[in-house]
Amino acid sequence: GNPFGLDRTVTRGVISSLNRSLKAESGREIRGIIQTDAAINPGNSGGPLLNSRGEAIGINTAIFSPSGGSVGIGFAIPVNTARRLVPQLIATGRVRHPWLGIAGVSLSPDLVKALDLPVEKGVLVAQVYPRSPAARAGLKGGQRRVRVGNTVLAVGGDIITAADERPMESMDRLVAYLDDEKGVGQAVELTVRRGSETLRVKVTLGEFPEQL
């Protein structure tokens, strides 16, 4: 990288953690982030994060820093993510993210017990956004609001338990699957629990809007 304009600069450190999440300026959550204590300063963004064999494993992206300089908490996008997104950036100048069009809540044992739900794992559909892919496919959001602990939830909606026959234990898992395996305009088959029925709902994914 070129920290503070100093070109051909190399720093070293260790991988501190994997699978971190960061909020992008657009508000979207970036998952699978690599955390490192190697010094990353302004100007390093876009430089490679290398392993001990000199192989690129990530692209330096951000730091946590109250002062604006390195404090040993840096973040890099995994190189596999970059490989998947770079062709879109070259072709169109931007990345198009697939959009289902729901607000969902991951089921927990406490939530399942409190609401007496018929399944133990999945995503409770709290809201279906108007004119979204989910709305066009007929997914149902919460019909009433109840308080569970300190949280008010919209309940009574569909529960998504699988996507393309792969179990979906949480909202994070569902979003990750769509982002990693699907593209705008592609279809996903959701397994949905609606009351006592188990349904299969095919949804053609749209593009994540700039504003909801």
Protein backbone atom coordinates (compact mmCIF):
# COMPACT_ATOMS: atom_id res chain seq x y z
CA GLY A 1 0.00 0.00 0.00
CA ASN A 2 0.88 3.69 0.09
CA PRO A 3 0.22 4.88 3.66
CA PHE A 4 0.20 8.68 3.79
CA GLY A 5 1.58 8.67 0.23
CA LEU A 6 4.66 6.56 1.05
CA ASP A 7 4.76 4.00 -1.74
CA ARG A 8 5.93 0.37 -1.58
CA THR A 9 5.37 0.10 2.17
CA VAL A 10 5.08 -3.31 3.87
CA THR A 11 3.87 -4.00 7.41
CA ARG A 12 3.39 -7.31 9.19
CA GLY A 13 1.12 -8.80 11.80
CA VAL A 14 -1.19 -11.70 12.53
CA ILE A 15 -4.77 -12.55 11.67
CA SER A 16 -6.67 -11.53 14.79
CA SER A 17 -10.12 -12.82 13.82
CA LEU A 18 -12.22 -14.07 10.93
CA ASN A 19 -15.82 -13.52 9.83
CA ARG A 20 -16.16 -10.01 11.20
CA SER A 21 -18.97 -7.78 9.91
CA LEU A 22 -18.66 -4.14 8.86
CA LYS A 23 -21.21 -1.53 7.85
CA ALA A 24 -20.51 0.01 4.45
CA GLU A 25 -21.19 3.68 3.78
CA SER A 26 -24.35 2.59 1.95
CA GLY A 27 -25.60 0.92 5.13
CA ARG A 28 -25.19 -2.62 3.78
CA GLU A 29 -23.45 -5.12 6.01
CA ILE A 30 -20.23 -6.63 4.65
CA ARG A 31 -19.66 -10.10 6.08
CA GLY A 32 -16.70 -12.46 6.26
CA ILE A 33 -14.20 -9.69 6.97
CA ILE A 34 -10.63 -10.58 8.05
CA GLN A 35 -9.29 -8.71 11.10
CA THR A 36 -5.53 -8.15 11.40
CA ASP A 37 -3.17 -6.27 13.71
CA ALA A 38 -0.82 -5.42 10.81
CA ALA A 39 -0.58 -1.63 10.58
CA ILE A 40 -3.12 -0.22 8.13
CA ASN A 41 -3.17 3.54 7.68
CA PRO A 42 -4.83 6.01 5.29
CA GLY A 43 -3.53 5.12 1.83
CA ASN A 44 -3.35 1.39 2.49
CA SER A 45 -6.90 0.73 1.26
CA GLY A 46 -6.84 -1.45 -1.84
CA GLY A 47 -3.46 -2.97 -1.01
CA PRO A 48 -3.14 -6.74 -0.61
CA LEU A 49 -3.12 -8.65 2.67
CA LEU A 50 -0.59 -11.47 2.15
CA ASN A 51 0.02 -14.74 3.96
CA SER A 52 3.49 -16.05 4.87
CA ARG A 53 3.82 -17.60 1.39
CA GLY A 54 3.24 -14.27 -0.32
CA GLU A 55 -0.25 -15.23 -1.50
CA ALA A 56 -2.98 -12.58 -1.48
CA ILE A 57 -5.69 -13.54 0.99
CA GLY A 58 -7.49 -10.21 1.25
CA ILE A 59 -7.75 -6.58 0.21
CA ASN A 60 -7.11 -4.02 2.95
CA THR A 61 -10.26 -2.01 3.39
CA ALA A 62 -10.74 -0.24 6.71
CA ILE A 63 -9.44 0.38 10.22
CA PHE A 64 -10.94 1.01 13.61
CA SER A 65 -9.21 4.15 14.83
CA PRO A 66 -10.38 6.96 17.10
CA SER A 67 -7.23 8.89 16.12
CA GLY A 68 -7.24 8.24 12.37
CA GLY A 69 -4.03 6.18 12.49
CA SER A 70 -3.35 2.50 13.04
CA VAL A 71 -4.15 1.08 16.48
CA GLY A 72 -3.75 -2.55 15.43
CA ILE A 73 -7.35 -3.18 14.38
CA GLY A 74 -7.51 -3.41 10.60
CA PHE A 75 -9.95 -5.11 8.26
CA ALA A 76 -9.62 -6.75 4.85
CA ILE A 77 -12.13 -8.17 2.37
CA PRO A 78 -11.37 -11.86 1.65
CA VAL A 79 -9.78 -12.41 -1.75
CA ASN A 80 -12.50 -14.90 -2.76
CA THR A 81 -15.10 -12.18 -2.25
CA ALA A 82 -13.02 -9.81 -4.36
CA ARG A 83 -12.72 -12.39 -7.16
CA ARG A 84 -16.49 -12.71 -7.24
CA LEU A 85 -17.18 -8.97 -7.30
CA VAL A 86 -14.36 -7.57 -9.46
CA PRO A 87 -15.85 -8.73 -12.81
CA GLN A 88 -19.03 -6.77 -12.02
CA LEU A 89 -17.01 -3.70 -11.10
CA ILE A 90 -15.00 -3.89 -14.32
CA ALA A 91 -18.10 -4.42 -16.46
CA THR A 92 -20.51 -1.94 -14.88
CA GLY A 93 -18.59 0.12 -12.32
CA ARG A 94 -20.73 -1.14 -9.45
CA VAL A 95 -21.87 -4.29 -7.67
CA ARG A 96 -25.50 -5.41 -7.94
CA HIS A 97 -26.66 -7.22 -4.81
CA PRO A 98 -29.65 -9.60 -4.93
CA TRP A 99 -32.68 -8.57 -2.88
CA LEU A 100 -35.44 -10.73 -1.44
CA GLY A 101 -37.41 -7.89 0.13
CA ILE A 102 -38.13 -8.96 3.69
CA ALA A 103 -37.27 -7.96 7.23
CA GLY A 104 -36.66 -11.15 9.16
CA VAL A 105 -35.89 -12.33 12.67
CA SER A 106 -33.72 -15.34 13.44
CA LEU A 107 -35.51 -17.88 15.60
CA SER A 108 -34.02 -18.57 19.02
CA PRO A 109 -35.11 -21.17 21.59
CA ASP A 110 -36.63 -18.42 23.75
CA LEU A 111 -38.54 -16.98 20.80
CA VAL A 112 -39.80 -20.38 19.70
CA LYS A 113 -41.03 -21.09 23.22
CA ALA A 114 -42.60 -17.67 23.77
CA LEU A 115 -44.51 -17.76 20.48
CA ASP A 116 -45.20 -21.52 20.54
CA LEU A 117 -43.85 -21.85 17.01
CA PRO A 118 -44.08 -25.12 15.04
CA VAL A 119 -40.38 -25.13 14.04
CA GLU A 120 -37.19 -24.66 16.05
CA LYS A 121 -34.93 -22.99 13.47
CA GLY A 122 -35.50 -20.57 10.65
CA VAL A 123 -36.29 -16.96 9.81
CA LEU A 124 -39.54 -15.39 10.96
CA VAL A 125 -40.74 -12.96 8.28
CA ALA A 126 -41.63 -9.81 10.20
CA GLN A 127 -42.24 -7.58 7.17
CA VAL A 128 -42.55 -7.94 3.42
CA TYR A 129 -41.64 -4.76 1.58
CA PRO A 130 -44.27 -3.54 -0.91
CA ARG A 131 -43.55 -4.30 -4.58
CA SER A 132 -40.55 -6.41 -3.56
CA PRO A 133 -39.68 -9.84 -5.00
CA ALA A 134 -41.03 -11.44 -1.81
CA ALA A 135 -44.31 -9.54 -2.14
CA ARG A 136 -44.72 -10.61 -5.78
CA ALA A 137 -44.08 -14.22 -4.78
CA GLY A 138 -46.76 -14.06 -2.07
CA LEU A 139 -44.68 -14.28 1.10
CA LYS A 140 -46.55 -13.14 4.21
CA GLY A 141 -45.21 -10.81 6.90
CA GLY A 142 -46.24 -10.38 10.53
CA GLN A 143 -49.92 -9.79 11.19
CA ARG A 144 -49.78 -8.58 14.78
CA ARG A 145 -47.30 -7.17 17.27
CA VAL A 146 -46.35 -8.83 20.53
CA ARG A 147 -43.75 -8.11 23.17
CA VAL A 148 -41.13 -10.78 23.77
CA GLY A 149 -38.90 -9.70 26.64
CA ASN A 150 -37.84 -6.15 25.85
CA THR A 151 -38.52 -6.46 22.13
CA VAL A 152 -41.72 -5.83 20.18
CA LEU A 153 -42.00 -8.19 17.19
CA ALA A 154 -44.37 -8.49 14.26
CA VAL A 155 -45.48 -12.13 14.39
CA GLY A 156 -47.82 -14.41 12.51
CA GLY A 157 -45.88 -14.27 9.25
CA ASP A 158 -44.20 -17.01 7.26
CA ILE A 159 -41.17 -18.86 8.63
CA ILE A 160 -38.41 -19.56 6.09
CA THR A 161 -36.65 -22.81 6.97
CA ALA A 162 -34.63 -23.50 3.82
CA ALA A 163 -33.45 -21.99 0.53
CA ASP A 164 -32.90 -24.35 -2.39
CA GLU A 165 -33.25 -27.18 0.15
CA ARG A 166 -30.39 -25.83 2.26
CA PRO A 167 -31.34 -25.19 5.91
CA MET A 168 -31.49 -21.52 6.88
CA GLU A 169 -31.00 -21.22 10.64
CA SER A 170 -30.77 -17.43 10.76
CA MET A 171 -31.34 -14.22 8.82
CA ASP A 172 -27.56 -13.79 8.50
CA ARG A 173 -27.30 -17.23 6.92
CA LEU A 174 -30.09 -16.44 4.46
CA VAL A 175 -28.56 -13.12 3.42
CA ALA A 176 -25.11 -14.72 3.08
CA TYR A 177 -26.50 -17.51 0.89
CA LEU A 178 -28.27 -15.10 -1.45
CA ASP A 179 -25.23 -12.81 -1.67
CA ASP A 180 -22.73 -15.62 -2.23
CA GLU A 181 -24.72 -18.02 -4.40
CA LYS A 182 -27.32 -15.94 -6.23
CA GLY A 183 -27.47 -12.92 -8.50
CA VAL A 184 -30.03 -10.33 -9.54
CA GLY A 185 -32.69 -11.96 -11.72
CA GLN A 186 -31.98 -15.48 -10.48
CA ALA A 187 -34.57 -17.58 -8.69
CA VAL A 188 -34.45 -19.12 -5.23
CA GLU A 189 -36.85 -21.74 -3.92
CA LEU A 190 -37.78 -21.10 -0.30
CA THR A 191 -39.22 -23.71 2.03
CA VAL A 192 -41.79 -21.86 4.10
CA ARG A 193 -43.85 -22.83 7.13
CA ARG A 194 -47.23 -21.06 7.08
CA GLY A 195 -49.40 -22.14 9.98
CA SER A 196 -49.62 -25.93 9.77
CA GLU A 197 -48.59 -26.03 6.10
CA THR A 198 -45.15 -26.39 4.56
CA LEU A 199 -44.91 -24.58 1.22
CA ARG A 200 -42.31 -24.15 -1.49
CA VAL A 201 -42.21 -20.61 -2.82
CA LYS A 202 -40.14 -19.62 -5.86
CA VAL A 203 -38.84 -16.04 -5.73
CA THR A 204 -37.07 -14.22 -8.55
CA LEU A 205 -34.58 -11.93 -6.83
CA GLY A 206 -34.44 -8.22 -7.54
CA GLU A 207 -31.66 -5.69 -7.08
CA PHE A 208 -31.06 -4.30 -3.61
CA PRO A 209 -32.42 -0.73 -3.73
CA GLU A 210 -30.37 2.29 -2.73
CA GLN A 211 -33.13 3.25 -0.30
CA LEU A 212 -35.89 1.14 1.22
